[in-house]
Amino acid sequence: MELPTPRTPDPRSAPVLRWGILGPGNIAREMASALRAETDQVIRAVASRDLTRAQGFADEFGAHTAYGSYEELVADPDVDIVYVASPHSEHHAHARLALDSGKHVLVEKAFARNATEAQDILHTASAKGLLAMEAMWTRFLPGIDVVRQCLEDGLLGTVENVFADHGQALHPDGPQRLSDPALAGGALLDLGIYPVSLASFALGGIETVSATGRLTDEGVDAEEAVLVTGPRGGRGLLHATMTSRTPTTASINGTDGRLELGDPDDPMNLWYSPSRVRYVSRDSQTDVSWEPASREHGLHFEACEAARLVDAGLTESPLLPSAETLRIMEVLDEIRAQLGVRYPGE
């Protein structure tokens, strides 16, 4: 047997939008690189509170205009959609700024600090007839469509459990924002959201949450272990840490077989990125894999999905509906509540 072929459209077939990038940090650089290399999308403008920084980014990635304020970016009539790549603490304000100026938004994950902010973004977008989509890139990758088809076709039988881990050595020597409660730091919104999102996807939602973990001296989460249950009885065993590099593996396990995402023997083949999908049957007689055409880039798939939606006049993606984004934010809120993490201003 062979695994299904991804139904993901060719990124270069997506209608061309003019993008504004809000916040030229590391993730924005990855997005800009992917857009330039893999699509025909146009990076029209970039904004930072530091005009010199914005200009350097614009020069590097061919943006037409650099702005020293976010207000100028969202007011640019030649910008169709704004990619919000600022820290988590600013997602709500910056998404609202763009939406209130009539711009569609693609907002980096986690979509906001909490579900209340997420709901406000989604309500505002709906009222204005605009797209507000979470940039959870894994959901839009071709490999995840292979997984989606396997689940739809019942290849695994009844899904019993999901195991997913994401650990990176980012604290205390990594980005300062991860240590800062005021910037909504911690492992959960940066790393833990990936296992949570995968569990929700594979289990058909999340109904109950039980979490334990440990905090940093600054009061953000350093690590969490989470048990979730889905509406059909399946369970997710999830883990994230920002203090050590873990195997970062994931599997979806059913009565008739399992899917393994990524390759634990290849540190560049991480499950949440463009990576291998392997199916092993219950009796181990069938062992087949799907490999992506390239493991480079990947963020462009979510951008092209946004472009197709905007062109079609749609305001949410069936691959990641607004209700799913909101529910995942509610799960993250519950995990933080059980760990005792509260951000200033909440």
C-alpha atoms as a PDB file:
ATOM      1  CA  MET A   1       0.000   0.000   0.000  1.00  0.00           C
ATOM      2  CA  GLU A   2       0.921   3.663  -0.278  1.00  0.00           C
ATOM      3  CA  LEU A   3      -0.095   6.570   1.905  1.00  0.00           C
ATOM      4  CA  PRO A   4      -2.417   9.182   0.378  1.00  0.00           C
ATOM      5  CA  THR A   5      -1.059  11.942  -1.812  1.00  0.00           C
ATOM      6  CA  PRO A   6      -1.391  15.410  -0.253  1.00  0.00           C
ATOM      7  CA  ARG A   7      -4.190  17.540  -1.687  1.00  0.00           C
ATOM      8  CA  THR A   8      -2.328  20.746  -0.821  1.00  0.00           C
ATOM      9  CA  PRO A   9      -2.444  23.160  -3.786  1.00  0.00           C
ATOM     10  CA  ASP A  10       0.758  24.364  -5.416  1.00  0.00           C
ATOM     11  CA  PRO A  11       1.789  27.486  -3.456  1.00  0.00           C
ATOM     12  CA  ARG A  12       2.517  29.318  -6.702  1.00  0.00           C
ATOM     13  CA  SER A  13      -1.087  28.838  -7.778  1.00  0.00           C
ATOM     14  CA  ALA A  14      -2.354  30.965  -4.896  1.00  0.00           C
ATOM     15  CA  PRO A  15      -3.776  34.399  -5.764  1.00  0.00           C
ATOM     16  CA  VAL A  16      -1.175  37.068  -5.095  1.00  0.00           C
ATOM     17  CA  LEU A  17      -1.703  39.298  -2.071  1.00  0.00           C
ATOM     18  CA  ARG A  18       0.358  42.279  -0.963  1.00  0.00           C
ATOM     19  CA  TRP A  19       1.644  41.483   2.519  1.00  0.00           C
ATOM     20  CA  GLY A  20       2.524  43.785   5.369  1.00  0.00           C
ATOM     21  CA  ILE A  21       4.790  42.285   8.034  1.00  0.00           C
ATOM     22  CA  LEU A  22       4.274  43.628  11.535  1.00  0.00           C
ATOM     23  CA  GLY A  23       7.295  42.858  13.705  1.00  0.00           C
ATOM     24  CA  PRO A  24      10.517  41.874  11.865  1.00  0.00           C
ATOM     25  CA  GLY A  25      11.719  39.206  14.311  1.00  0.00           C
ATOM     26  CA  ASN A  26      13.000  35.677  13.709  1.00  0.00           C
ATOM     27  CA  ILE A  27       9.675  34.128  12.751  1.00  0.00           C
ATOM     28  CA  ALA A  28       8.988  37.019  10.357  1.00  0.00           C
ATOM     29  CA  ARG A  29      12.338  36.370   8.711  1.00  0.00           C
ATOM     30  CA  GLU A  30      11.396  32.728   8.222  1.00  0.00           C
ATOM     31  CA  MET A  31       8.049  33.732   6.730  1.00  0.00           C
ATOM     32  CA  ALA A  32       9.627  36.285   4.399  1.00  0.00           C
ATOM     33  CA  SER A  33      12.225  33.751   3.265  1.00  0.00           C
ATOM     34  CA  ALA A  34       9.528  31.188   2.521  1.00  0.00           C
ATOM     35  CA  LEU A  35       7.342  33.685   0.655  1.00  0.00           C
ATOM     36  CA  ARG A  36      10.265  34.820  -1.479  1.00  0.00           C
ATOM     37  CA  ALA A  37      11.510  31.303  -2.254  1.00  0.00           C
ATOM     38  CA  GLU A  38       8.303  29.325  -2.665  1.00  0.00           C
ATOM     39  CA  THR A  39       5.490  31.676  -3.748  1.00  0.00           C
ATOM     40  CA  ASP A  40       4.555  34.633  -5.918  1.00  0.00           C
ATOM     41  CA  GLN A  41       3.215  36.573  -2.914  1.00  0.00           C
ATOM     42  CA  VAL A  42       4.415  40.181  -2.595  1.00  0.00           C
ATOM     43  CA  ILE A  43       6.012  41.563   0.562  1.00  0.00           C
ATOM     44  CA  ARG A  44       4.766  45.111   0.219  1.00  0.00           C
ATOM     45  CA  ALA A  45       5.768  46.641   3.564  1.00  0.00           C
ATOM     46  CA  VAL A  46       7.325  45.942   6.937  1.00  0.00           C
ATOM     47  CA  ALA A  47       6.950  47.850  10.195  1.00  0.00           C
ATOM     48  CA  SER A  48       8.927  48.060  13.401  1.00  0.00           C
ATOM     49  CA  ARG A  49       9.088  50.613  16.179  1.00  0.00           C
ATOM     50  CA  ASP A  50      12.710  50.930  15.040  1.00  0.00           C
ATOM     51  CA  LEU A  51      12.715  52.322  11.495  1.00  0.00           C
ATOM     52  CA  THR A  52      16.342  51.294  10.926  1.00  0.00           C
ATOM     53  CA  ARG A  53      15.453  47.707  11.772  1.00  0.00           C
ATOM     54  CA  ALA A  54      12.429  47.803   9.466  1.00  0.00           C
ATOM     55  CA  GLN A  55      14.523  49.241   6.640  1.00  0.00           C
ATOM     56  CA  GLY A  56      17.143  46.529   7.006  1.00  0.00           C
ATOM     57  CA  PHE A  57      14.433  43.872   6.804  1.00  0.00           C
ATOM     58  CA  ALA A  58      12.858  45.571   3.789  1.00  0.00           C
ATOM     59  CA  ASP A  59      16.194  45.743   2.003  1.00  0.00           C
ATOM     60  CA  GLU A  60      16.920  42.083   2.692  1.00  0.00           C
ATOM     61  CA  PHE A  61      13.546  40.745   1.546  1.00  0.00           C
ATOM     62  CA  GLY A  62      12.610  43.218  -1.158  1.00  0.00           C
ATOM     63  CA  ALA A  63       9.760  44.973   0.639  1.00  0.00           C
ATOM     64  CA  HIS A  64       8.658  48.161  -1.099  1.00  0.00           C
ATOM     65  CA  THR A  65       8.275  50.243   2.067  1.00  0.00           C
ATOM     66  CA  ALA A  66       9.615  50.268   5.631  1.00  0.00           C
ATOM     67  CA  TYR A  67       7.666  51.960   8.405  1.00  0.00           C
ATOM     68  CA  GLY A  68       8.728  53.080  11.873  1.00  0.00           C
ATOM     69  CA  SER A  69       5.250  52.564  13.310  1.00  0.00           C
ATOM     70  CA  TYR A  70       2.563  49.909  13.055  1.00  0.00           C
ATOM     71  CA  GLU A  71      -0.083  52.559  12.470  1.00  0.00           C
ATOM     72  CA  GLU A  72       1.602  53.541   9.213  1.00  0.00           C
ATOM     73  CA  LEU A  73       1.693  49.931   8.068  1.00  0.00           C
ATOM     74  CA  VAL A  74      -2.005  49.253   8.574  1.00  0.00           C
ATOM     75  CA  ALA A  75      -2.886  52.567   6.906  1.00  0.00           C
ATOM     76  CA  ASP A  76      -0.994  51.668   3.713  1.00  0.00           C
ATOM     77  CA  PRO A  77      -3.656  51.277   0.977  1.00  0.00           C
ATOM     78  CA  ASP A  78      -1.361  48.914  -0.938  1.00  0.00           C
ATOM     79  CA  VAL A  79      -1.299  46.326   1.873  1.00  0.00           C
ATOM     80  CA  ASP A  80      -3.965  43.622   1.579  1.00  0.00           C
ATOM     81  CA  ILE A  81      -3.133  41.500   4.605  1.00  0.00           C
ATOM     82  CA  VAL A  82      -1.000  41.926   7.723  1.00  0.00           C
ATOM     83  CA  TYR A  83       1.133  39.132   9.150  1.00  0.00           C
ATOM     84  CA  VAL A  84       1.289  39.768  12.905  1.00  0.00           C
ATOM     85  CA  ALA A  85       4.631  38.482  14.176  1.00  0.00           C
ATOM     86  CA  SER A  86       5.034  40.496  17.373  1.00  0.00           C
ATOM     87  CA  PRO A  87       5.317  38.869  20.848  1.00  0.00           C
ATOM     88  CA  HIS A  88       2.276  36.974  22.140  1.00  0.00           C
ATOM     89  CA  SER A  89       1.430  39.790  24.524  1.00  0.00           C
ATOM     90  CA  GLU A  90       0.868  42.133  21.569  1.00  0.00           C
ATOM     91  CA  HIS A  91      -1.105  39.871  19.224  1.00  0.00           C
ATOM     92  CA  HIS A  92      -4.499  41.113  20.348  1.00  0.00           C
ATOM     93  CA  ALA A  93      -3.679  44.814  20.081  1.00  0.00           C
ATOM     94  CA  HIS A  94      -1.872  44.448  16.770  1.00  0.00           C
ATOM     95  CA  ALA A  95      -4.509  42.225  15.194  1.00  0.00           C
ATOM     96  CA  ARG A  96      -7.194  44.687  16.250  1.00  0.00           C
ATOM     97  CA  LEU A  97      -5.134  47.575  14.868  1.00  0.00           C
ATOM     98  CA  ALA A  98      -5.015  45.902  11.479  1.00  0.00           C
ATOM     99  CA  LEU A  99      -8.640  44.742  11.478  1.00  0.00           C
ATOM    100  CA  ASP A 100      -9.888  48.167  12.520  1.00  0.00           C
ATOM    101  CA  SER A 101      -8.036  49.536   9.488  1.00  0.00           C
ATOM    102  CA  GLY A 102      -9.794  47.080   7.192  1.00  0.00           C
ATOM    103  CA  LYS A 103      -6.900  44.648   6.779  1.00  0.00           C
ATOM    104  CA  HIS A 104      -7.076  40.873   6.865  1.00  0.00           C
ATOM    105  CA  VAL A 105      -4.707  39.292   9.407  1.00  0.00           C
ATOM    106  CA  LEU A 106      -2.618  36.158   9.722  1.00  0.00           C
ATOM    107  CA  VAL A 107      -1.642  36.059  13.398  1.00  0.00           C
ATOM    108  CA  GLU A 108       1.287  33.988  14.632  1.00  0.00           C
ATOM    109  CA  LYS A 109       0.534  31.228  17.062  1.00  0.00           C
ATOM    110  CA  ALA A 110      -0.383  31.362  19.825  1.00  0.00           C
ATOM    111  CA  PHE A 111      -3.218  33.481  18.410  1.00  0.00           C
ATOM    112  CA  ALA A 112      -3.404  35.641  21.557  1.00  0.00           C
ATOM    113  CA  ARG A 113      -2.500  35.565  25.241  1.00  0.00           C
ATOM    114  CA  ASN A 114      -5.818  34.015  26.187  1.00  0.00           C
ATOM    115  CA  ALA A 115      -9.237  32.988  24.909  1.00  0.00           C
ATOM    116  CA  THR A 116     -10.855  36.323  25.782  1.00  0.00           C
ATOM    117  CA  GLU A 117      -8.451  38.166  23.502  1.00  0.00           C
ATOM    118  CA  ALA A 118      -8.827  35.511  20.820  1.00  0.00           C
ATOM    119  CA  GLN A 119     -12.598  35.820  20.927  1.00  0.00           C
ATOM    120  CA  ASP A 120     -12.377  39.585  20.518  1.00  0.00           C
ATOM    121  CA  ILE A 121     -10.113  39.265  17.471  1.00  0.00           C
ATOM    122  CA  LEU A 122     -12.436  36.720  15.868  1.00  0.00           C
ATOM    123  CA  HIS A 123     -15.572  38.718  16.692  1.00  0.00           C
ATOM    124  CA  THR A 124     -14.054  41.877  15.221  1.00  0.00           C
ATOM    125  CA  ALA A 125     -12.987  40.080  12.042  1.00  0.00           C
ATOM    126  CA  SER A 126     -16.415  38.506  11.635  1.00  0.00           C
ATOM    127  CA  ALA A 127     -18.201  41.820  12.117  1.00  0.00           C
ATOM    128  CA  LYS A 128     -16.027  43.424   9.466  1.00  0.00           C
ATOM    129  CA  GLY A 129     -16.105  40.502   7.038  1.00  0.00           C
ATOM    130  CA  LEU A 130     -12.339  40.038   7.265  1.00  0.00           C
ATOM    131  CA  LEU A 131     -10.078  37.029   7.612  1.00  0.00           C
ATOM    132  CA  ALA A 132      -8.373  36.514  10.970  1.00  0.00           C
ATOM    133  CA  MET A 133      -6.479  33.219  10.864  1.00  0.00           C
ATOM    134  CA  GLU A 134      -4.016  31.651  13.263  1.00  0.00           C
ATOM    135  CA  ALA A 135      -0.608  30.965  11.758  1.00  0.00           C
ATOM    136  CA  MET A 136      -0.333  27.430  13.152  1.00  0.00           C
ATOM    137  CA  TRP A 137       1.796  26.332  10.231  1.00  0.00           C
ATOM    138  CA  THR A 138       1.693  22.603  10.986  1.00  0.00           C
ATOM    139  CA  ARG A 139      -2.019  22.412  10.168  1.00  0.00           C
ATOM    140  CA  PHE A 140      -1.386  23.579   6.597  1.00  0.00           C
ATOM    141  CA  LEU A 141       1.584  21.370   5.690  1.00  0.00           C
ATOM    142  CA  PRO A 142       1.199  18.680   3.002  1.00  0.00           C
ATOM    143  CA  GLY A 143       2.221  15.978   5.480  1.00  0.00           C
ATOM    144  CA  ILE A 144      -0.628  16.849   7.788  1.00  0.00           C
ATOM    145  CA  ASP A 145      -3.018  16.451   4.874  1.00  0.00           C
ATOM    146  CA  VAL A 146      -1.634  12.923   4.493  1.00  0.00           C
ATOM    147  CA  VAL A 147      -2.490  12.379   8.169  1.00  0.00           C
ATOM    148  CA  ARG A 148      -5.901  14.019   7.687  1.00  0.00           C
ATOM    149  CA  GLN A 149      -6.775  11.610   4.874  1.00  0.00           C
ATOM    150  CA  CYS A 150      -5.588   8.612   6.882  1.00  0.00           C
ATOM    151  CA  LEU A 151      -7.897   9.647   9.715  1.00  0.00           C
ATOM    152  CA  GLU A 152     -10.808  10.367   7.371  1.00  0.00           C
ATOM    153  CA  ASP A 153     -10.374   6.973   5.683  1.00  0.00           C
ATOM    154  CA  GLY A 154     -10.268   5.105   9.009  1.00  0.00           C
ATOM    155  CA  LEU A 155      -6.810   3.685   8.375  1.00  0.00           C
ATOM    156  CA  LEU A 156      -5.998   3.703  12.100  1.00  0.00           C
ATOM    157  CA  GLY A 157      -9.321   2.306  13.244  1.00  0.00           C
ATOM    158  CA  THR A 158     -10.392   4.007  16.460  1.00  0.00           C
ATOM    159  CA  VAL A 159      -7.844   6.570  17.620  1.00  0.00           C
ATOM    160  CA  GLU A 160      -6.919   5.580  21.165  1.00  0.00           C
ATOM    161  CA  ASN A 161      -4.157   8.018  22.021  1.00  0.00           C
ATOM    162  CA  VAL A 162      -1.809  10.715  20.815  1.00  0.00           C
ATOM    163  CA  PHE A 163       1.730  11.149  22.095  1.00  0.00           C
ATOM    164  CA  ALA A 164       3.427  14.453  21.331  1.00  0.00           C
ATOM    165  CA  ASP A 165       6.506  16.132  22.737  1.00  0.00           C
ATOM    166  CA  HIS A 166       8.243  19.425  21.993  1.00  0.00           C
ATOM    167  CA  GLY A 167      11.356  20.414  23.883  1.00  0.00           C
ATOM    168  CA  GLN A 168      13.919  23.058  22.961  1.00  0.00           C
ATOM    169  CA  ALA A 169      16.822  24.398  25.031  1.00  0.00           C
ATOM    170  CA  LEU A 170      15.665  28.026  24.963  1.00  0.00           C
ATOM    171  CA  HIS A 171      15.879  28.986  28.635  1.00  0.00           C
ATOM    172  CA  PRO A 172      17.661  30.637  30.339  1.00  0.00           C
ATOM    173  CA  ASP A 173      20.029  31.444  27.450  1.00  0.00           C
ATOM    174  CA  GLY A 174      17.502  31.909  24.643  1.00  0.00           C
ATOM    175  CA  PRO A 175      15.226  34.788  23.647  1.00  0.00           C
ATOM    176  CA  GLN A 176      14.512  37.128  26.561  1.00  0.00           C
ATOM    177  CA  ARG A 177      10.812  37.272  25.715  1.00  0.00           C
ATOM    178  CA  LEU A 178      10.412  33.634  26.762  1.00  0.00           C
ATOM    179  CA  SER A 179      11.374  34.534  30.316  1.00  0.00           C
ATOM    180  CA  ASP A 180       9.188  37.629  30.556  1.00  0.00           C
ATOM    181  CA  PRO A 181       5.623  37.318  31.923  1.00  0.00           C
ATOM    182  CA  ALA A 182       4.815  40.756  30.475  1.00  0.00           C
ATOM    183  CA  LEU A 183       5.507  39.347  26.996  1.00  0.00           C
ATOM    184  CA  ALA A 184       3.442  36.205  27.690  1.00  0.00           C
ATOM    185  CA  GLY A 185       6.595  34.108  27.880  1.00  0.00           C
ATOM    186  CA  GLY A 186       7.014  30.484  28.819  1.00  0.00           C
ATOM    187  CA  ALA A 187       7.091  27.141  27.044  1.00  0.00           C
ATOM    188  CA  LEU A 188       3.353  26.711  26.532  1.00  0.00           C
ATOM    189  CA  LEU A 189       2.481  29.430  24.027  1.00  0.00           C
ATOM    190  CA  ASP A 190       5.679  28.885  22.044  1.00  0.00           C
ATOM    191  CA  LEU A 191       6.170  25.117  22.165  1.00  0.00           C
ATOM    192  CA  GLY A 192       3.334  23.429  24.035  1.00  0.00           C
ATOM    193  CA  ILE A 193       0.727  24.713  21.620  1.00  0.00           C
ATOM    194  CA  TYR A 194       2.045  22.273  18.995  1.00  0.00           C
ATOM    195  CA  PRO A 195       1.253  19.079  20.959  1.00  0.00           C
ATOM    196  CA  VAL A 196      -2.071  20.562  22.106  1.00  0.00           C
ATOM    197  CA  SER A 197      -3.056  21.438  18.538  1.00  0.00           C
ATOM    198  CA  LEU A 198      -2.063  17.991  17.252  1.00  0.00           C
ATOM    199  CA  ALA A 199      -4.088  16.268  19.964  1.00  0.00           C
ATOM    200  CA  SER A 200      -7.152  18.366  19.186  1.00  0.00           C
ATOM    201  CA  PHE A 201      -6.756  17.616  15.479  1.00  0.00           C
ATOM    202  CA  ALA A 202      -6.338  13.865  15.903  1.00  0.00           C
ATOM    203  CA  LEU A 203      -8.875  13.335  18.701  1.00  0.00           C
ATOM    204  CA  GLY A 204     -11.587  15.492  17.164  1.00  0.00           C
ATOM    205  CA  GLY A 205     -11.326  18.087  19.918  1.00  0.00           C
ATOM    206  CA  ILE A 206     -10.358  18.292  23.576  1.00  0.00           C
ATOM    207  CA  GLU A 207     -12.871  17.978  26.406  1.00  0.00           C
ATOM    208  CA  THR A 208     -10.836  17.560  29.607  1.00  0.00           C
ATOM    209  CA  VAL A 209      -7.402  18.770  30.677  1.00  0.00           C
ATOM    210  CA  SER A 210      -5.083  17.760  33.524  1.00  0.00           C
ATOM    211  CA  ALA A 211      -1.704  19.478  33.737  1.00  0.00           C
ATOM    212  CA  THR A 212       1.359  19.545  35.920  1.00  0.00           C
ATOM    213  CA  GLY A 213       4.657  21.339  35.462  1.00  0.00           C
ATOM    214  CA  ARG A 214       7.207  23.726  36.879  1.00  0.00           C
ATOM    215  CA  LEU A 215       7.742  27.450  36.668  1.00  0.00           C
ATOM    216  CA  THR A 216      10.804  29.633  36.240  1.00  0.00           C
ATOM    217  CA  ASP A 217      11.891  32.129  38.862  1.00  0.00           C
ATOM    218  CA  GLU A 218      10.202  34.785  36.728  1.00  0.00           C
ATOM    219  CA  GLY A 219       6.858  32.993  37.024  1.00  0.00           C
ATOM    220  CA  VAL A 220       6.388  31.609  33.509  1.00  0.00           C
ATOM    221  CA  ASP A 221       6.124  27.908  32.715  1.00  0.00           C
ATOM    222  CA  ALA A 222       9.391  26.113  32.056  1.00  0.00           C
ATOM    223  CA  GLU A 223       7.783  22.718  31.420  1.00  0.00           C
ATOM    224  CA  GLU A 224       4.391  21.025  31.366  1.00  0.00           C
ATOM    225  CA  ALA A 225       3.048  17.495  31.101  1.00  0.00           C
ATOM    226  CA  VAL A 226      -0.590  17.400  30.058  1.00  0.00           C
ATOM    227  CA  LEU A 227      -3.228  14.685  29.807  1.00  0.00           C
ATOM    228  CA  VAL A 228      -6.235  15.508  27.620  1.00  0.00           C
ATOM    229  CA  THR A 229      -9.279  13.536  26.539  1.00  0.00           C
ATOM    230  CA  GLY A 230     -11.222  13.887  23.319  1.00  0.00           C
ATOM    231  CA  PRO A 231     -14.967  13.637  22.734  1.00  0.00           C
ATOM    232  CA  ARG A 232     -14.701  10.032  21.522  1.00  0.00           C
ATOM    233  CA  GLY A 233     -12.662   8.845  24.502  1.00  0.00           C
ATOM    234  CA  GLY A 234      -9.178   9.080  23.007  1.00  0.00           C
ATOM    235  CA  ARG A 235      -6.409  10.530  25.139  1.00  0.00           C
ATOM    236  CA  GLY A 236      -3.458  12.776  24.491  1.00  0.00           C
ATOM    237  CA  LEU A 237      -0.216  12.535  26.465  1.00  0.00           C
ATOM    238  CA  LEU A 238       1.546  15.816  25.778  1.00  0.00           C
ATOM    239  CA  HIS A 239       4.787  17.408  26.928  1.00  0.00           C
ATOM    240  CA  ALA A 240       6.681  20.623  26.349  1.00  0.00           C
ATOM    241  CA  THR A 241       9.780  22.189  27.848  1.00  0.00           C
ATOM    242  CA  MET A 242      12.006  25.146  27.059  1.00  0.00           C
ATOM    243  CA  THR A 243      14.912  24.009  29.248  1.00  0.00           C
ATOM    244  CA  SER A 244      16.138  20.917  27.375  1.00  0.00           C
ATOM    245  CA  ARG A 245      16.213  19.455  23.887  1.00  0.00           C
ATOM    246  CA  THR A 246      13.911  16.444  23.902  1.00  0.00           C
ATOM    247  CA  PRO A 247      13.369  13.858  21.137  1.00  0.00           C
ATOM    248  CA  THR A 248      10.397  15.945  19.937  1.00  0.00           C
ATOM    249  CA  THR A 249       8.413  13.024  18.581  1.00  0.00           C
ATOM    250  CA  ALA A 250       4.720  12.489  17.891  1.00  0.00           C
ATOM    251  CA  SER A 251       2.452   9.574  17.076  1.00  0.00           C
ATOM    252  CA  ILE A 252      -1.254   8.985  16.564  1.00  0.00           C
ATOM    253  CA  ASN A 253      -2.193   5.486  17.675  1.00  0.00           C
ATOM    254  CA  GLY A 254      -5.313   3.528  16.845  1.00  0.00           C
ATOM    255  CA  THR A 255      -6.791   0.046  17.082  1.00  0.00           C
ATOM    256  CA  ASP A 256      -5.597  -0.833  13.559  1.00  0.00           C
ATOM    257  CA  GLY A 257      -2.239   0.930  13.401  1.00  0.00           C
ATOM    258  CA  ARG A 258      -0.271   4.072  14.141  1.00  0.00           C
ATOM    259  CA  LEU A 259       1.094   7.114  12.379  1.00  0.00           C
ATOM    260  CA  GLU A 260       4.508   8.413  13.376  1.00  0.00           C
ATOM    261  CA  LEU A 261       5.332  12.015  12.484  1.00  0.00           C
ATOM    262  CA  GLY A 262       8.923  13.066  11.964  1.00  0.00           C
ATOM    263  CA  ASP A 263      11.985  10.924  12.536  1.00  0.00           C
ATOM    264  CA  PRO A 264      13.601  10.748  15.993  1.00  0.00           C
ATOM    265  CA  ASP A 265      16.892   9.683  14.412  1.00  0.00           C
ATOM    266  CA  ASP A 266      17.034  12.854  12.304  1.00  0.00           C
ATOM    267  CA  PRO A 267      17.170  16.095  14.325  1.00  0.00           C
ATOM    268  CA  MET A 268      16.170  18.071  11.220  1.00  0.00           C
ATOM    269  CA  ASN A 269      13.030  15.955  10.657  1.00  0.00           C
ATOM    270  CA  LEU A 270      10.848  17.323  13.461  1.00  0.00           C
ATOM    271  CA  TRP A 271       7.215  16.255  13.493  1.00  0.00           C
ATOM    272  CA  TYR A 272       5.644  19.729  13.502  1.00  0.00           C
ATOM    273  CA  SER A 273       7.622  20.817  10.400  1.00  0.00           C
ATOM    274  CA  PRO A 274       7.737  19.410   6.839  1.00  0.00           C
ATOM    275  CA  SER A 275       8.606  15.854   7.823  1.00  0.00           C
ATOM    276  CA  ARG A 276       8.110  12.149   7.266  1.00  0.00           C
ATOM    277  CA  VAL A 277       4.773  10.454   7.924  1.00  0.00           C
ATOM    278  CA  ARG A 278       5.099   6.737   8.675  1.00  0.00           C
ATOM    279  CA  TYR A 279       2.266   4.213   8.978  1.00  0.00           C
ATOM    280  CA  VAL A 280       2.748   0.921  10.826  1.00  0.00           C
ATOM    281  CA  SER A 281      -0.139  -1.535  10.922  1.00  0.00           C
ATOM    282  CA  ARG A 282      -1.245  -3.258  14.109  1.00  0.00           C
ATOM    283  CA  ASP A 283       0.451  -6.504  13.078  1.00  0.00           C
ATOM    284  CA  SER A 284       3.557  -4.634  11.856  1.00  0.00           C
ATOM    285  CA  GLN A 285       3.200  -6.331   8.459  1.00  0.00           C
ATOM    286  CA  THR A 286       2.635  -2.991   6.755  1.00  0.00           C
ATOM    287  CA  ASP A 287       5.231  -0.259   7.216  1.00  0.00           C
ATOM    288  CA  VAL A 288       5.069   2.577   4.681  1.00  0.00           C
ATOM    289  CA  SER A 289       6.188   6.197   4.696  1.00  0.00           C
ATOM    290  CA  TRP A 290       5.496   9.450   2.916  1.00  0.00           C
ATOM    291  CA  GLU A 291       8.292  11.993   2.542  1.00  0.00           C
ATOM    292  CA  PRO A 292       7.897  15.708   1.725  1.00  0.00           C
ATOM    293  CA  ALA A 293       9.419  17.004  -1.481  1.00  0.00           C
ATOM    294  CA  SER A 294      11.442  19.438   0.630  1.00  0.00           C
ATOM    295  CA  ARG A 295      12.039  20.010   4.319  1.00  0.00           C
ATOM    296  CA  GLU A 296      13.040  23.607   3.704  1.00  0.00           C
ATOM    297  CA  HIS A 297      10.662  26.440   4.547  1.00  0.00           C
ATOM    298  CA  GLY A 298       7.025  25.548   5.278  1.00  0.00           C
ATOM    299  CA  LEU A 299       5.433  28.762   6.550  1.00  0.00           C
ATOM    300  CA  HIS A 300       4.356  29.646   3.023  1.00  0.00           C
ATOM    301  CA  PHE A 301       1.626  27.006   3.026  1.00  0.00           C
ATOM    302  CA  GLU A 302      -0.400  28.878   5.654  1.00  0.00           C
ATOM    303  CA  ALA A 303       0.162  32.175   3.835  1.00  0.00           C
ATOM    304  CA  CYS A 304      -1.076  30.699   0.564  1.00  0.00           C
ATOM    305  CA  GLU A 305      -4.134  29.262   2.298  1.00  0.00           C
ATOM    306  CA  ALA A 306      -4.871  32.761   3.598  1.00  0.00           C
ATOM    307  CA  ALA A 307      -4.447  34.184   0.089  1.00  0.00           C
ATOM    308  CA  ARG A 308      -6.905  31.665  -1.361  1.00  0.00           C
ATOM    309  CA  LEU A 309      -9.441  32.430   1.354  1.00  0.00           C
ATOM    310  CA  VAL A 310      -9.204  36.184   0.881  1.00  0.00           C
ATOM    311  CA  ASP A 311      -9.541  35.836  -2.875  1.00  0.00           C
ATOM    312  CA  ALA A 312     -12.631  33.652  -2.432  1.00  0.00           C
ATOM    313  CA  GLY A 313     -14.216  36.053   0.053  1.00  0.00           C
ATOM    314  CA  LEU A 314     -14.016  33.509   2.890  1.00  0.00           C
ATOM    315  CA  THR A 315     -13.203  34.442   6.471  1.00  0.00           C
ATOM    316  CA  GLU A 316     -11.980  31.149   7.931  1.00  0.00           C
ATOM    317  CA  SER A 317     -10.209  27.994   6.818  1.00  0.00           C
ATOM    318  CA  PRO A 318     -11.694  24.502   7.012  1.00  0.00           C
ATOM    319  CA  LEU A 319      -8.170  23.345   7.869  1.00  0.00           C
ATOM    320  CA  LEU A 320      -8.193  25.444  11.049  1.00  0.00           C
ATOM    321  CA  PRO A 321     -11.638  26.894  11.762  1.00  0.00           C
ATOM    322  CA  SER A 322     -12.032  29.836  14.092  1.00  0.00           C
ATOM    323  CA  ALA A 323     -13.852  27.676  16.641  1.00  0.00           C
ATOM    324  CA  GLU A 324     -10.846  25.347  16.766  1.00  0.00           C
ATOM    325  CA  THR A 325      -8.444  28.240  17.331  1.00  0.00           C
ATOM    326  CA  LEU A 326     -10.651  29.512  20.147  1.00  0.00           C
ATOM    327  CA  ARG A 327     -11.024  26.100  21.787  1.00  0.00           C
ATOM    328  CA  ILE A 328      -7.263  25.553  21.734  1.00  0.00           C
ATOM    329  CA  MET A 329      -6.793  28.941  23.423  1.00  0.00           C
ATOM    330  CA  GLU A 330      -9.275  27.818  26.090  1.00  0.00           C
ATOM    331  CA  VAL A 331      -7.223  24.652  26.625  1.00  0.00           C
ATOM    332  CA  LEU A 332      -4.031  26.704  26.958  1.00  0.00           C
ATOM    333  CA  ASP A 333      -5.810  28.940  29.484  1.00  0.00           C
ATOM    334  CA  GLU A 334      -6.823  25.893  31.509  1.00  0.00           C
ATOM    335  CA  ILE A 335      -3.271  24.506  31.466  1.00  0.00           C
ATOM    336  CA  ARG A 336      -1.886  27.842  32.667  1.00  0.00           C
ATOM    337  CA  ALA A 337      -4.526  28.046  35.398  1.00  0.00           C
ATOM    338  CA  GLN A 338      -3.566  24.589  36.676  1.00  0.00           C
ATOM    339  CA  LEU A 339       0.118  25.533  36.618  1.00  0.00           C
ATOM    340  CA  GLY A 340      -0.488  28.898  38.298  1.00  0.00           C
ATOM    341  CA  VAL A 341       0.709  31.088  35.420  1.00  0.00           C
ATOM    342  CA  ARG A 342      -0.970  34.462  35.004  1.00  0.00           C
ATOM    343  CA  TYR A 343       0.287  37.250  32.779  1.00  0.00           C
ATOM    344  CA  PRO A 344       0.290  40.912  33.859  1.00  0.00           C
ATOM    345  CA  GLY A 345      -2.856  42.687  32.763  1.00  0.00           C
ATOM    346  CA  GLU A 346      -5.053  39.593  32.521  1.00  0.00           C
END
